[in-house]
C-alpha atoms as a PDB file:
ATOM      1  CA  MET A   1     -15.481  -2.696 -57.002  1.00  0.00           C
ATOM      2  CA  LYS A   2     -12.174  -2.102 -55.312  1.00  0.00           C
ATOM      3  CA  GLU A   3     -11.035  -4.325 -52.501  1.00  0.00           C
ATOM      4  CA  SER A   4     -11.313  -2.714 -49.059  1.00  0.00           C
ATOM      5  CA  SER A   5      -8.185  -1.393 -47.385  1.00  0.00           C
ATOM      6  CA  LEU A   6      -8.786  -3.591 -44.367  1.00  0.00           C
ATOM      7  CA  LYS A   7      -8.733  -6.766 -46.465  1.00  0.00           C
ATOM      8  CA  ARG A   8      -5.570  -5.643 -48.242  1.00  0.00           C
ATOM      9  CA  LEU A   9      -3.931  -4.869 -44.902  1.00  0.00           C
ATOM     10  CA  PHE A  10      -4.943  -8.260 -43.491  1.00  0.00           C
ATOM     11  CA  ARG A  11      -3.501 -10.045 -46.548  1.00  0.00           C
ATOM     12  CA  PHE A  12      -0.287  -8.080 -46.143  1.00  0.00           C
ATOM     13  CA  VAL A  13      -0.022  -8.960 -42.456  1.00  0.00           C
ATOM     14  CA  LEU A  14      -0.514 -12.633 -43.243  1.00  0.00           C
ATOM     15  CA  ALA A  15       2.209 -12.433 -45.876  1.00  0.00           C
ATOM     16  CA  HIS A  16       4.686 -11.149 -43.266  1.00  0.00           C
ATOM     17  CA  TRP A  17       3.777 -13.414 -40.365  1.00  0.00           C
ATOM     18  CA  PRO A  18       7.398 -14.552 -39.711  1.00  0.00           C
ATOM     19  CA  PHE A  19       8.488 -10.983 -38.921  1.00  0.00           C
ATOM     20  CA  LEU A  20       5.446 -10.413 -36.753  1.00  0.00           C
ATOM     21  CA  LEU A  21       5.978 -13.694 -34.920  1.00  0.00           C
ATOM     22  CA  LEU A  22       9.642 -12.857 -34.300  1.00  0.00           C
ATOM     23  CA  SER A  23       8.636  -9.409 -33.079  1.00  0.00           C
ATOM     24  CA  THR A  24       6.085 -10.902 -30.687  1.00  0.00           C
ATOM     25  CA  LEU A  25       8.607 -13.392 -29.309  1.00  0.00           C
ATOM     26  CA  ALA A  26      11.199 -10.648 -28.876  1.00  0.00           C
ATOM     27  CA  ALA A  27       8.647  -8.509 -27.037  1.00  0.00           C
ATOM     28  CA  PHE A  28       7.850 -11.456 -24.769  1.00  0.00           C
ATOM     29  CA  PHE A  29      11.541 -11.957 -23.961  1.00  0.00           C
ATOM     30  CA  PHE A  30      11.919  -8.213 -23.395  1.00  0.00           C
ATOM     31  CA  VAL A  31       9.191  -8.334 -20.742  1.00  0.00           C
ATOM     32  CA  ILE A  32      10.824 -11.334 -19.058  1.00  0.00           C
ATOM     33  CA  PHE A  33      14.288  -9.759 -19.018  1.00  0.00           C
ATOM     34  CA  ASN A  34      12.898  -6.403 -17.927  1.00  0.00           C
ATOM     35  CA  SER A  35      11.233  -8.066 -14.932  1.00  0.00           C
ATOM     36  CA  ALA A  36      14.443  -9.940 -14.175  1.00  0.00           C
ATOM     37  CA  SER A  37      16.445  -6.718 -14.334  1.00  0.00           C
ATOM     38  CA  ILE A  38      14.196  -5.132 -11.714  1.00  0.00           C
ATOM     39  CA  TRP A  39      14.490  -8.198  -9.492  1.00  0.00           C
ATOM     40  CA  ILE A  40      18.284  -8.388  -9.811  1.00  0.00           C
ATOM     41  CA  THR A  41      18.670  -4.651  -9.193  1.00  0.00           C
ATOM     42  CA  ALA A  42      16.617  -5.008  -6.015  1.00  0.00           C
ATOM     43  CA  THR A  43      18.760  -8.000  -5.040  1.00  0.00           C
ATOM     44  CA  MET A  44      21.914  -5.967  -5.545  1.00  0.00           C
ATOM     45  CA  ILE A  45      20.641  -3.113  -3.407  1.00  0.00           C
ATOM     46  CA  ASN A  46      19.580  -5.631  -0.784  1.00  0.00           C
ATOM     47  CA  ASN A  47      23.022  -7.256  -0.843  1.00  0.00           C
ATOM     48  CA  ILE A  48      24.731  -3.920  -0.361  1.00  0.00           C
ATOM     49  CA  LEU A  49      22.502  -2.730   2.490  1.00  0.00           C
ATOM     50  CA  ILE A  50      22.097  -5.952   4.490  1.00  0.00           C
ATOM     51  CA  ASP A  51      24.805  -7.719   6.430  1.00  0.00           C
ATOM     52  CA  PHE A  52      26.047 -10.752   4.506  1.00  0.00           C
ATOM     53  CA  ASN A  53      25.795 -13.084   7.534  1.00  0.00           C
ATOM     54  CA  GLU A  54      22.155 -12.081   8.046  1.00  0.00           C
ATOM     55  CA  MET A  55      21.523 -12.894   4.401  1.00  0.00           C
ATOM     56  CA  LEU A  56      23.016 -16.370   4.834  1.00  0.00           C
ATOM     57  CA  VAL A  57      20.875 -16.996   7.934  1.00  0.00           C
ATOM     58  CA  GLU A  58      17.755 -15.839   6.062  1.00  0.00           C
ATOM     59  CA  ASN A  59      18.592 -18.128   3.134  1.00  0.00           C
ATOM     60  CA  GLN A  60      19.024 -21.110   5.466  1.00  0.00           C
ATOM     61  CA  ARG A  61      15.707 -20.275   7.153  1.00  0.00           C
ATOM     62  CA  LEU A  62      13.951 -20.149   3.789  1.00  0.00           C
ATOM     63  CA  ALA A  63      15.515 -23.432   2.718  1.00  0.00           C
ATOM     64  CA  SER A  64      14.285 -25.157   5.865  1.00  0.00           C
ATOM     65  CA  LEU A  65      10.644 -24.065   5.508  1.00  0.00           C
ATOM     66  CA  SER A  66       8.205 -26.730   4.364  1.00  0.00           C
ATOM     67  CA  GLU A  67       5.681 -24.348   2.765  1.00  0.00           C
ATOM     68  CA  LEU A  68       6.936 -21.329   0.860  1.00  0.00           C
ATOM     69  CA  THR A  69       5.060 -18.340  -0.485  1.00  0.00           C
ATOM     70  CA  MET A  70       5.731 -17.231  -4.042  1.00  0.00           C
ATOM     71  CA  ASN A  71       7.947 -14.404  -2.788  1.00  0.00           C
ATOM     72  CA  ASP A  72       9.948 -16.852  -0.651  1.00  0.00           C
ATOM     73  CA  ARG A  73      10.365 -19.155  -3.648  1.00  0.00           C
ATOM     74  CA  LEU A  74      11.666 -16.280  -5.757  1.00  0.00           C
ATOM     75  CA  LYS A  75      14.090 -15.272  -2.993  1.00  0.00           C
ATOM     76  CA  LEU A  76      15.324 -18.836  -2.637  1.00  0.00           C
ATOM     77  CA  PHE A  77      15.688 -19.190  -6.418  1.00  0.00           C
ATOM     78  CA  SER A  78      17.608 -15.942  -6.797  1.00  0.00           C
ATOM     79  CA  ASN A  79      19.787 -16.816  -3.814  1.00  0.00           C
ATOM     80  CA  SER A  80      20.595 -20.189  -5.340  1.00  0.00           C
ATOM     81  CA  LEU A  81      21.724 -18.406  -8.505  1.00  0.00           C
ATOM     82  CA  LEU A  82      23.536 -15.452  -6.976  1.00  0.00           C
ATOM     83  CA  LEU A  83      24.529 -16.207  -3.378  1.00  0.00           C
ATOM     84  CA  ARG A  84      28.185 -17.204  -3.032  1.00  0.00           C
ATOM     85  CA  ASP A  85      30.594 -17.946  -0.170  1.00  0.00           C
ATOM     86  CA  THR A  86      31.705 -14.362   0.405  1.00  0.00           C
ATOM     87  CA  ALA A  87      30.058 -10.969   0.123  1.00  0.00           C
ATOM     88  CA  ILE A  88      32.464  -9.802  -2.600  1.00  0.00           C
ATOM     89  CA  SER A  89      31.865 -12.848  -4.788  1.00  0.00           C
ATOM     90  CA  THR A  90      28.100 -12.469  -4.288  1.00  0.00           C
ATOM     91  CA  VAL A  91      28.205  -8.841  -5.426  1.00  0.00           C
ATOM     92  CA  SER A  92      30.372  -9.903  -8.376  1.00  0.00           C
ATOM     93  CA  ALA A  93      27.830 -12.565  -9.358  1.00  0.00           C
ATOM     94  CA  VAL A  94      25.018 -10.017  -9.122  1.00  0.00           C
ATOM     95  CA  CYS A  95      26.960  -7.561 -11.306  1.00  0.00           C
ATOM     96  CA  VAL A  96      27.567 -10.219 -13.956  1.00  0.00           C
ATOM     97  CA  ALA A  97      23.896 -11.182 -13.843  1.00  0.00           C
ATOM     98  CA  LEU A  98      22.923  -7.526 -14.271  1.00  0.00           C
ATOM     99  CA  ILE A  99      25.134  -7.159 -17.325  1.00  0.00           C
ATOM    100  CA  VAL A 100      23.758 -10.346 -18.901  1.00  0.00           C
ATOM    101  CA  VAL A 101      20.115  -9.511 -18.184  1.00  0.00           C
ATOM    102  CA  PHE A 102      20.344  -5.883 -19.345  1.00  0.00           C
ATOM    103  CA  SER A 103      22.168  -6.964 -22.509  1.00  0.00           C
ATOM    104  CA  ALA A 104      19.551  -9.618 -23.286  1.00  0.00           C
ATOM    105  CA  LYS A 105      16.768  -7.129 -22.567  1.00  0.00           C
ATOM    106  CA  ASN A 106      18.210  -4.545 -24.943  1.00  0.00           C
ATOM    107  CA  ILE A 107      18.915  -7.095 -27.677  1.00  0.00           C
ATOM    108  CA  SER A 108      15.306  -8.304 -27.433  1.00  0.00           C
ATOM    109  CA  LEU A 109      14.048  -4.729 -27.714  1.00  0.00           C
ATOM    110  CA  TYR A 110      16.308  -4.129 -30.721  1.00  0.00           C
ATOM    111  CA  ILE A 111      15.061  -7.269 -32.510  1.00  0.00           C
ATOM    112  CA  LYS A 112      11.448  -6.303 -31.826  1.00  0.00           C
ATOM    113  CA  ASN A 113      11.940  -2.794 -33.174  1.00  0.00           C
ATOM    114  CA  ILE A 114      13.855  -3.915 -36.262  1.00  0.00           C
ATOM    115  CA  THR A 115      11.314  -6.560 -37.259  1.00  0.00           C
ATOM    116  CA  LEU A 116       8.405  -4.171 -36.802  1.00  0.00           C
ATOM    117  CA  SER A 117      10.240  -1.507 -38.811  1.00  0.00           C
ATOM    118  CA  ILE A 118      10.726  -3.955 -41.668  1.00  0.00           C
ATOM    119  CA  VAL A 119       7.009  -4.703 -41.724  1.00  0.00           C
ATOM    120  CA  GLN A 120       6.105  -1.017 -41.514  1.00  0.00           C
ATOM    121  CA  TYR A 121       8.415  -0.009 -44.358  1.00  0.00           C
ATOM    122  CA  ARG A 122       7.110  -2.814 -46.562  1.00  0.00           C
ATOM    123  CA  LEU A 123       3.567  -1.741 -45.775  1.00  0.00           C
ATOM    124  CA  ILE A 124       4.350   1.858 -46.739  1.00  0.00           C
ATOM    125  CA  ARG A 125       6.074   0.748 -49.936  1.00  0.00           C
ATOM    126  CA  ILE A 126       3.165  -1.445 -51.017  1.00  0.00           C
ATOM    127  CA  LEU A 127       0.321   0.884 -50.060  1.00  0.00           C
ATOM    128  CA  PHE A 128       1.817   4.091 -51.441  1.00  0.00           C
END
């Protein structure tokens, strides 16, 4: 009796586990960088709309709190990465961070798509 298609497919998937693992890791990094891109874009809009001195006062207030919520921790973390001495240098740092994060996000998506395409084309070639 012929072997079932499901068993053949499972054997094929196991044979190409490195590509599938790389694709999964790339998808994971894509999600992380996509979330970071949303956060940094919101930070940039916030930096443009809010007075820089108010932002510094808010950062000092957050740093002096003993108990922080998760949102306050994220604000303090992003401010430690992006907040500079002047408003222009802060916006410059945010722009550089945006470029880096969007580039990493797109590279991760590209790697995920390429590795899955390799597996799909091999599957088509073997099954048909």
